[in-house]
Amino acid sequence: MVMAFGQILKKDWYSILGADPSADVSDLKQKYQKLILMYHPDKQSTDVPAGTVEECMQKFIEIDQAWKILGNEETKKTYDLQRHEEDLRNMGPVDAQIHLEEMSWNKEDCSFCLSCRCGGKYSVSKDEAEEVSLISCDTCSLIIELLHYS
């Protein structure tokens, strides 16, 4: 599934729906429904040029794909984590490579954490630890790579 998301990540599904990444599912659904009706092939006028019909069809397909990813809680979460990781990748170099076993388990908030050299901490939930590979410090710009045993 992660490999498939590598291809999916190349598109900004939020901008396709005209939504902000912080939008809730009901807002996303409302934007999807409005756009899907606007670009639905049955709603297109018969006197428009063939190229325009093709563009509308392509837009319709993209809108549908965006909703399939963002309308499902699980795929949306995976997509959002990968967007965040891509943002981290663009921020700068990785400071260190760490195995999950090197991090401490925090019972209070059910997360793994590691102290940063700046005094802040790297923190990741158990579920996120299985999906992400980059974690940013909560107080500085340093990033660590979480290594997974294969």
N, C-alpha and C. Protein backbone atom coordinates (compact mmCIF):
# COMPACT_ATOMS: atom_id res chain seq x y z
N MET A 1 0.83 -1.20 0.00
CA MET A 1 0.00 0.00 0.00
C MET A 1 0.87 1.26 0.00
N VAL A 2 1.98 1.25 0.74
CA VAL A 2 2.83 2.41 0.82
C VAL A 2 3.42 2.75 -0.55
N MET A 3 3.79 1.72 -1.32
CA MET A 3 4.35 1.97 -2.64
C MET A 3 3.34 2.66 -3.55
N ALA A 4 2.10 2.24 -3.47
CA ALA A 4 1.05 2.87 -4.27
C ALA A 4 0.90 4.34 -3.87
N PHE A 5 1.06 4.64 -2.60
CA PHE A 5 0.93 6.01 -2.15
C PHE A 5 2.08 6.87 -2.64
N GLY A 6 3.23 6.28 -2.93
CA GLY A 6 4.34 7.05 -3.49
C GLY A 6 3.93 7.74 -4.77
N GLN A 7 3.17 7.04 -5.59
CA GLN A 7 2.67 7.63 -6.84
C GLN A 7 1.55 8.62 -6.54
N ILE A 8 0.70 8.29 -5.61
CA ILE A 8 -0.45 9.13 -5.27
C ILE A 8 0.00 10.46 -4.68
N LEU A 9 1.11 10.43 -3.96
CA LEU A 9 1.59 11.63 -3.28
C LEU A 9 1.99 12.73 -4.26
N LYS A 10 2.25 12.38 -5.51
CA LYS A 10 2.68 13.38 -6.48
C LYS A 10 1.59 14.41 -6.77
N LYS A 11 0.35 14.10 -6.47
CA LYS A 11 -0.74 15.06 -6.67
C LYS A 11 -1.18 15.62 -5.34
N ASP A 12 -1.60 16.88 -5.35
CA ASP A 12 -2.13 17.49 -4.13
C ASP A 12 -3.65 17.32 -4.17
N TRP A 13 -4.12 16.26 -3.52
CA TRP A 13 -5.55 15.93 -3.56
C TRP A 13 -6.39 17.01 -2.90
N TYR A 14 -5.83 17.73 -1.92
CA TYR A 14 -6.59 18.81 -1.28
C TYR A 14 -6.86 19.94 -2.26
N SER A 15 -5.84 20.33 -3.04
CA SER A 15 -6.06 21.43 -3.98
C SER A 15 -7.01 21.02 -5.10
N ILE A 16 -7.03 19.75 -5.47
CA ILE A 16 -7.97 19.27 -6.49
C ILE A 16 -9.40 19.48 -6.01
N LEU A 17 -9.63 19.27 -4.70
CA LEU A 17 -10.97 19.50 -4.14
C LEU A 17 -11.16 20.97 -3.73
N GLY A 18 -10.11 21.78 -3.83
CA GLY A 18 -10.20 23.18 -3.42
C GLY A 18 -10.35 23.31 -1.92
N ALA A 19 -9.70 22.39 -1.19
CA ALA A 19 -9.84 22.36 0.26
C ALA A 19 -8.50 22.56 0.95
N ASP A 20 -8.57 22.98 2.19
CA ASP A 20 -7.40 23.15 3.03
C ASP A 20 -7.10 21.80 3.69
N PRO A 21 -5.83 21.44 3.88
CA PRO A 21 -5.50 20.18 4.54
C PRO A 21 -6.08 20.03 5.95
N SER A 22 -6.45 21.13 6.57
CA SER A 22 -7.05 21.05 7.92
C SER A 22 -8.56 20.85 7.87
N ALA A 23 -9.13 20.80 6.67
CA ALA A 23 -10.59 20.64 6.52
C ALA A 23 -11.04 19.30 7.07
N ASP A 24 -12.23 19.29 7.68
CA ASP A 24 -12.77 18.02 8.17
C ASP A 24 -13.47 17.27 7.03
N VAL A 25 -13.82 16.02 7.28
CA VAL A 25 -14.37 15.16 6.23
C VAL A 25 -15.68 15.71 5.67
N SER A 26 -16.51 16.31 6.50
CA SER A 26 -17.78 16.84 6.00
C SER A 26 -17.55 18.01 5.03
N ASP A 27 -16.54 18.84 5.30
CA ASP A 27 -16.20 19.93 4.39
C ASP A 27 -15.64 19.37 3.08
N LEU A 28 -14.78 18.36 3.19
CA LEU A 28 -14.23 17.72 2.00
C LEU A 28 -15.35 17.10 1.16
N LYS A 29 -16.30 16.47 1.82
CA LYS A 29 -17.41 15.82 1.11
C LYS A 29 -18.25 16.86 0.38
N GLN A 30 -18.50 17.98 1.03
CA GLN A 30 -19.28 19.05 0.42
C GLN A 30 -18.59 19.59 -0.84
N LYS A 31 -17.28 19.80 -0.75
CA LYS A 31 -16.52 20.29 -1.91
C LYS A 31 -16.51 19.24 -3.02
N TYR A 32 -16.35 17.98 -2.64
CA TYR A 32 -16.35 16.88 -3.62
C TYR A 32 -17.68 16.84 -4.36
N GLN A 33 -18.78 16.88 -3.61
CA GLN A 33 -20.10 16.77 -4.24
C GLN A 33 -20.37 17.93 -5.20
N LYS A 34 -19.96 19.12 -4.82
CA LYS A 34 -20.15 20.29 -5.67
C LYS A 34 -19.36 20.14 -6.97
N LEU A 35 -18.08 19.74 -6.85
CA LEU A 35 -17.22 19.61 -8.02
C LEU A 35 -17.61 18.44 -8.92
N ILE A 36 -17.99 17.32 -8.30
CA ILE A 36 -18.32 16.14 -9.09
C ILE A 36 -19.55 16.40 -9.96
N LEU A 37 -20.49 17.18 -9.43
CA LEU A 37 -21.67 17.55 -10.22
C LEU A 37 -21.29 18.51 -11.35
N MET A 38 -20.39 19.42 -11.05
CA MET A 38 -19.97 20.42 -12.03
C MET A 38 -19.26 19.77 -13.22
N TYR A 39 -18.43 18.75 -12.95
CA TYR A 39 -17.62 18.15 -14.00
C TYR A 39 -18.16 16.80 -14.50
N HIS A 40 -19.31 16.37 -14.00
CA HIS A 40 -19.87 15.08 -14.41
C HIS A 40 -20.12 15.09 -15.93
N PRO A 41 -19.72 14.02 -16.63
CA PRO A 41 -19.89 13.97 -18.09
C PRO A 41 -21.34 14.20 -18.55
N ASP A 42 -22.30 13.76 -17.78
CA ASP A 42 -23.71 13.94 -18.16
C ASP A 42 -24.16 15.39 -18.02
N LYS A 43 -23.41 16.19 -17.28
CA LYS A 43 -23.79 17.60 -17.07
C LYS A 43 -23.15 18.53 -18.11
N GLN A 44 -22.31 17.99 -18.97
CA GLN A 44 -21.61 18.83 -19.95
C GLN A 44 -22.51 19.11 -21.16
N SER A 45 -22.40 20.30 -21.65
CA SER A 45 -23.17 20.72 -22.82
C SER A 45 -22.68 19.96 -24.06
N THR A 46 -23.58 19.67 -24.96
CA THR A 46 -23.22 18.92 -26.17
C THR A 46 -22.52 19.77 -27.22
N ASP A 47 -22.59 21.09 -27.07
CA ASP A 47 -21.98 21.95 -28.09
C ASP A 47 -20.58 22.47 -27.74
N VAL A 48 -19.95 21.89 -26.72
CA VAL A 48 -18.59 22.33 -26.37
C VAL A 48 -17.59 21.52 -27.19
N PRO A 49 -16.39 22.10 -27.43
CA PRO A 49 -15.37 21.39 -28.21
C PRO A 49 -14.93 20.09 -27.53
N ALA A 50 -14.50 19.14 -28.34
CA ALA A 50 -14.08 17.83 -27.82
C ALA A 50 -12.97 17.94 -26.78
N GLY A 51 -12.03 18.86 -26.99
CA GLY A 51 -10.94 19.07 -26.03
C GLY A 51 -11.45 19.48 -24.66
N THR A 52 -12.47 20.31 -24.63
CA THR A 52 -13.06 20.75 -23.37
C THR A 52 -13.74 19.59 -22.66
N VAL A 53 -14.43 18.75 -23.43
CA VAL A 53 -15.08 17.57 -22.86
C VAL A 53 -14.03 16.65 -22.24
N GLU A 54 -12.93 16.48 -22.94
CA GLU A 54 -11.83 15.63 -22.45
C GLU A 54 -11.24 16.21 -21.15
N GLU A 55 -11.04 17.53 -21.11
CA GLU A 55 -10.52 18.18 -19.90
C GLU A 55 -11.47 17.98 -18.73
N CYS A 56 -12.77 18.14 -18.98
CA CYS A 56 -13.77 17.95 -17.92
C CYS A 56 -13.77 16.52 -17.42
N MET A 57 -13.63 15.57 -18.34
CA MET A 57 -13.60 14.16 -17.96
C MET A 57 -12.37 13.87 -17.10
N GLN A 58 -11.23 14.43 -17.48
CA GLN A 58 -10.00 14.24 -16.70
C GLN A 58 -10.15 14.85 -15.31
N LYS A 59 -10.74 16.03 -15.24
CA LYS A 59 -10.97 16.71 -13.96
C LYS A 59 -11.93 15.88 -13.10
N PHE A 60 -12.97 15.34 -13.72
CA PHE A 60 -13.95 14.49 -13.04
C PHE A 60 -13.24 13.28 -12.41
N ILE A 61 -12.35 12.65 -13.16
CA ILE A 61 -11.61 11.48 -12.67
C ILE A 61 -10.70 11.87 -11.50
N GLU A 62 -10.02 13.01 -11.61
CA GLU A 62 -9.14 13.48 -10.53
C GLU A 62 -9.93 13.78 -9.26
N ILE A 63 -11.08 14.40 -9.41
CA ILE A 63 -11.93 14.73 -8.26
C ILE A 63 -12.37 13.44 -7.57
N ASP A 64 -12.75 12.46 -8.37
CA ASP A 64 -13.17 11.17 -7.81
C ASP A 64 -12.02 10.49 -7.08
N GLN A 65 -10.82 10.52 -7.66
CA GLN A 65 -9.64 9.93 -7.02
C GLN A 65 -9.33 10.65 -5.70
N ALA A 66 -9.42 11.98 -5.72
CA ALA A 66 -9.16 12.76 -4.51
C ALA A 66 -10.11 12.35 -3.39
N TRP A 67 -11.37 12.19 -3.73
CA TRP A 67 -12.35 11.81 -2.71
C TRP A 67 -12.09 10.39 -2.21
N LYS A 68 -11.67 9.47 -3.08
CA LYS A 68 -11.39 8.10 -2.66
C LYS A 68 -10.27 8.08 -1.62
N ILE A 69 -9.33 8.99 -1.74
CA ILE A 69 -8.22 9.05 -0.78
C ILE A 69 -8.60 9.85 0.46
N LEU A 70 -9.18 11.04 0.27
CA LEU A 70 -9.46 11.92 1.41
C LEU A 70 -10.77 11.60 2.12
N GLY A 71 -11.67 10.89 1.47
CA GLY A 71 -12.95 10.56 2.07
C GLY A 71 -12.90 9.33 2.97
N ASN A 72 -11.80 8.60 2.91
CA ASN A 72 -11.61 7.41 3.74
C ASN A 72 -10.63 7.76 4.85
N GLU A 73 -11.04 7.55 6.08
CA GLU A 73 -10.23 7.97 7.23
C GLU A 73 -8.83 7.36 7.20
N GLU A 74 -8.74 6.08 6.86
CA GLU A 74 -7.46 5.39 6.85
C GLU A 74 -6.52 5.89 5.74
N THR A 75 -7.03 6.00 4.52
CA THR A 75 -6.18 6.46 3.41
C THR A 75 -5.83 7.94 3.57
N LYS A 76 -6.75 8.72 4.14
CA LYS A 76 -6.47 10.14 4.40
C LYS A 76 -5.33 10.28 5.41
N LYS A 77 -5.38 9.47 6.46
CA LYS A 77 -4.34 9.52 7.49
C LYS A 77 -2.98 9.17 6.88
N THR A 78 -2.94 8.12 6.07
CA THR A 78 -1.69 7.71 5.42
C THR A 78 -1.19 8.81 4.49
N TYR A 79 -2.10 9.37 3.70
CA TYR A 79 -1.73 10.45 2.78
C TYR A 79 -1.20 11.66 3.55
N ASP A 80 -1.88 12.04 4.63
CA ASP A 80 -1.45 13.19 5.43
C ASP A 80 -0.07 12.96 6.05
N LEU A 81 0.17 11.73 6.53
CA LEU A 81 1.48 11.41 7.10
C LEU A 81 2.56 11.51 6.03
N GLN A 82 2.26 11.03 4.85
CA GLN A 82 3.26 11.08 3.78
C GLN A 82 3.49 12.51 3.30
N ARG A 83 2.44 13.33 3.29
CA ARG A 83 2.61 14.76 2.95
C ARG A 83 3.53 15.42 3.97
N HIS A 84 3.29 15.11 5.25
CA HIS A 84 4.10 15.67 6.32
C HIS A 84 5.56 15.23 6.18
N GLU A 85 5.75 13.95 5.87
CA GLU A 85 7.10 13.43 5.69
C GLU A 85 7.79 14.09 4.51
N GLU A 86 7.06 14.31 3.45
CA GLU A 86 7.62 14.98 2.26
C GLU A 86 8.02 16.41 2.62
N ASP A 87 7.19 17.08 3.42
CA ASP A 87 7.52 18.43 3.88
C ASP A 87 8.82 18.42 4.70
N LEU A 88 8.95 17.41 5.57
CA LEU A 88 10.17 17.29 6.38
C LEU A 88 11.39 17.05 5.50
N ARG A 89 11.22 16.20 4.49
CA ARG A 89 12.31 15.90 3.57
C ARG A 89 12.81 17.17 2.88
N ASN A 90 11.89 18.07 2.59
CA ASN A 90 12.24 19.32 1.92
C ASN A 90 12.81 20.36 2.87
N MET A 91 12.67 20.13 4.18
CA MET A 91 13.17 21.10 5.17
C MET A 91 14.68 21.07 5.29
N GLY A 92 15.27 19.90 5.14
CA GLY A 92 16.70 19.84 5.31
C GLY A 92 17.18 18.43 5.52
N PRO A 93 18.47 18.29 5.78
CA PRO A 93 19.05 16.95 5.92
C PRO A 93 18.62 16.25 7.20
N VAL A 94 18.72 14.95 7.16
CA VAL A 94 18.40 14.13 8.33
C VAL A 94 19.58 14.20 9.29
N ASP A 95 19.29 14.45 10.57
CA ASP A 95 20.34 14.60 11.58
C ASP A 95 20.90 13.25 12.02
N ALA A 96 20.03 12.24 12.14
CA ALA A 96 20.47 10.93 12.62
C ALA A 96 19.50 9.85 12.16
N GLN A 97 20.00 8.62 12.16
CA GLN A 97 19.15 7.47 11.85
C GLN A 97 19.00 6.67 13.13
N ILE A 98 17.74 6.40 13.49
CA ILE A 98 17.42 5.78 14.77
C ILE A 98 16.50 4.58 14.55
N HIS A 99 16.74 3.50 15.30
CA HIS A 99 15.80 2.38 15.31
C HIS A 99 14.78 2.64 16.40
N LEU A 100 13.57 2.17 16.20
CA LEU A 100 12.49 2.38 17.16
C LEU A 100 12.89 1.90 18.56
N GLU A 101 13.65 0.83 18.61
CA GLU A 101 14.07 0.27 19.90
C GLU A 101 14.97 1.22 20.69
N GLU A 102 15.56 2.20 20.01
CA GLU A 102 16.42 3.17 20.68
C GLU A 102 15.61 4.30 21.32
N MET A 103 14.33 4.35 21.01
CA MET A 103 13.47 5.39 21.57
C MET A 103 12.81 4.88 22.85
N SER A 104 12.45 5.79 23.75
CA SER A 104 11.79 5.42 25.01
C SER A 104 10.29 5.38 24.83
N TRP A 105 9.63 4.46 25.51
CA TRP A 105 8.17 4.36 25.48
C TRP A 105 7.60 5.27 26.56
N ASN A 106 6.71 6.16 26.18
CA ASN A 106 6.06 7.08 27.12
C ASN A 106 4.64 6.57 27.37
N LYS A 107 4.39 6.03 28.56
CA LYS A 107 3.09 5.45 28.90
C LYS A 107 1.98 6.50 28.95
N GLU A 108 2.33 7.72 29.36
CA GLU A 108 1.33 8.78 29.52
C GLU A 108 0.58 9.09 28.23
N ASP A 109 1.32 9.26 27.14
CA ASP A 109 0.64 9.60 25.88
C ASP A 109 0.78 8.49 24.82
N CYS A 110 1.22 7.30 25.26
CA CYS A 110 1.34 6.13 24.38
C CYS A 110 2.14 6.45 23.11
N SER A 111 3.34 6.96 23.32
CA SER A 111 4.19 7.29 22.18
C SER A 111 5.63 6.93 22.47
N PHE A 112 6.41 6.84 21.41
CA PHE A 112 7.85 6.65 21.53
C PHE A 112 8.48 8.03 21.48
N CYS A 113 9.51 8.26 22.28
CA CYS A 113 10.17 9.57 22.24
C CYS A 113 11.67 9.43 22.41
N LEU A 114 12.35 10.48 21.99
CA LEU A 114 13.80 10.53 22.06
C LEU A 114 14.18 11.99 22.26
N SER A 115 15.12 12.23 23.16
CA SER A 115 15.57 13.61 23.40
C SER A 115 16.42 14.09 22.25
N CYS A 116 16.22 15.34 21.90
CA CYS A 116 17.00 16.00 20.85
C CYS A 116 18.16 16.73 21.52
N ARG A 117 19.21 16.97 20.78
CA ARG A 117 20.37 17.68 21.35
C ARG A 117 20.05 19.12 21.74
N CYS A 118 18.92 19.66 21.23
CA CYS A 118 18.54 21.04 21.57
C CYS A 118 17.76 21.09 22.88
N GLY A 119 17.39 19.92 23.41
CA GLY A 119 16.58 19.87 24.63
C GLY A 119 15.13 19.53 24.35
N GLY A 120 14.73 19.58 23.11
CA GLY A 120 13.37 19.20 22.73
C GLY A 120 13.27 17.70 22.61
N LYS A 121 12.20 17.23 21.95
CA LYS A 121 12.09 15.78 21.80
C LYS A 121 11.44 15.41 20.47
N TYR A 122 11.80 14.24 20.04
CA TYR A 122 11.18 13.60 18.88
C TYR A 122 10.12 12.68 19.46
N SER A 123 8.93 12.72 18.91
CA SER A 123 7.85 11.90 19.43
C SER A 123 7.02 11.34 18.29
N VAL A 124 6.62 10.06 18.44
CA VAL A 124 5.80 9.42 17.41
C VAL A 124 4.91 8.37 18.09
N SER A 125 3.64 8.33 17.69
CA SER A 125 2.72 7.35 18.27
C SER A 125 3.07 5.96 17.74
N LYS A 126 2.56 4.94 18.39
CA LYS A 126 2.84 3.57 17.98
C LYS A 126 2.35 3.33 16.55
N ASP A 127 1.14 3.81 16.22
CA ASP A 127 0.59 3.63 14.87
C ASP A 127 1.43 4.38 13.83
N GLU A 128 1.80 5.62 14.14
CA GLU A 128 2.59 6.42 13.21
C GLU A 128 3.97 5.81 12.99
N ALA A 129 4.53 5.18 14.03
CA ALA A 129 5.86 4.59 13.94
C ALA A 129 5.92 3.52 12.86
N GLU A 130 4.80 2.87 12.59
CA GLU A 130 4.76 1.83 11.56
C GLU A 130 4.72 2.43 10.15
N GLU A 131 4.28 3.69 10.04
CA GLU A 131 4.06 4.28 8.72
C GLU A 131 5.06 5.34 8.33
N VAL A 132 5.60 6.10 9.29
CA VAL A 132 6.49 7.20 8.94
C VAL A 132 7.94 6.79 9.04
N SER A 133 8.79 7.54 8.37
CA SER A 133 10.22 7.28 8.52
C SER A 133 10.97 8.54 8.94
N LEU A 134 10.33 9.70 8.88
CA LEU A 134 10.98 10.94 9.31
C LEU A 134 10.19 11.57 10.44
N ILE A 135 10.91 12.03 11.47
CA ILE A 135 10.28 12.66 12.63
C ILE A 135 11.02 13.96 12.92
N SER A 136 10.27 15.04 13.13
CA SER A 136 10.92 16.31 13.43
C SER A 136 10.89 16.56 14.94
N CYS A 137 11.87 17.30 15.39
CA CYS A 137 11.94 17.70 16.80
C CYS A 137 10.81 18.69 17.06
N ASP A 138 10.27 18.66 18.28
CA ASP A 138 9.16 19.56 18.59
C ASP A 138 9.59 21.00 18.89
N THR A 139 10.91 21.24 18.99
CA THR A 139 11.34 22.62 19.28
C THR A 139 12.35 23.19 18.28
N CYS A 140 13.05 22.35 17.54
CA CYS A 140 14.01 22.87 16.57
C CYS A 140 13.74 22.26 15.19
N SER A 141 14.61 22.50 14.25
CA SER A 141 14.39 22.03 12.89
C SER A 141 15.08 20.70 12.58
N LEU A 142 15.67 20.08 13.59
CA LEU A 142 16.35 18.81 13.34
C LEU A 142 15.35 17.69 13.03
N ILE A 143 15.79 16.77 12.19
CA ILE A 143 14.94 15.65 11.75
C ILE A 143 15.73 14.36 11.92
N ILE A 144 15.03 13.31 12.42
CA ILE A 144 15.66 11.99 12.47
C ILE A 144 14.92 11.05 11.54
N GLU A 145 15.62 10.05 11.06
CA GLU A 145 15.02 9.02 10.23
C GLU A 145 14.80 7.79 11.09
N LEU A 146 13.59 7.30 11.11
CA LEU A 146 13.24 6.11 11.88
C LEU A 146 13.47 4.91 10.97
N LEU A 147 14.41 4.06 11.37
CA LEU A 147 14.74 2.88 10.57
C LEU A 147 13.87 1.72 11.01
N HIS A 148 13.37 0.99 10.04
CA HIS A 148 12.53 -0.19 10.30
C HIS A 148 13.33 -1.42 9.93
N TYR A 149 13.28 -2.42 10.79
CA TYR A 149 13.96 -3.67 10.48
C TYR A 149 13.19 -4.38 9.38
N SER A 150 13.87 -4.93 8.40
CA SER A 150 13.20 -5.63 7.31
C SER A 150 13.19 -7.12 7.54
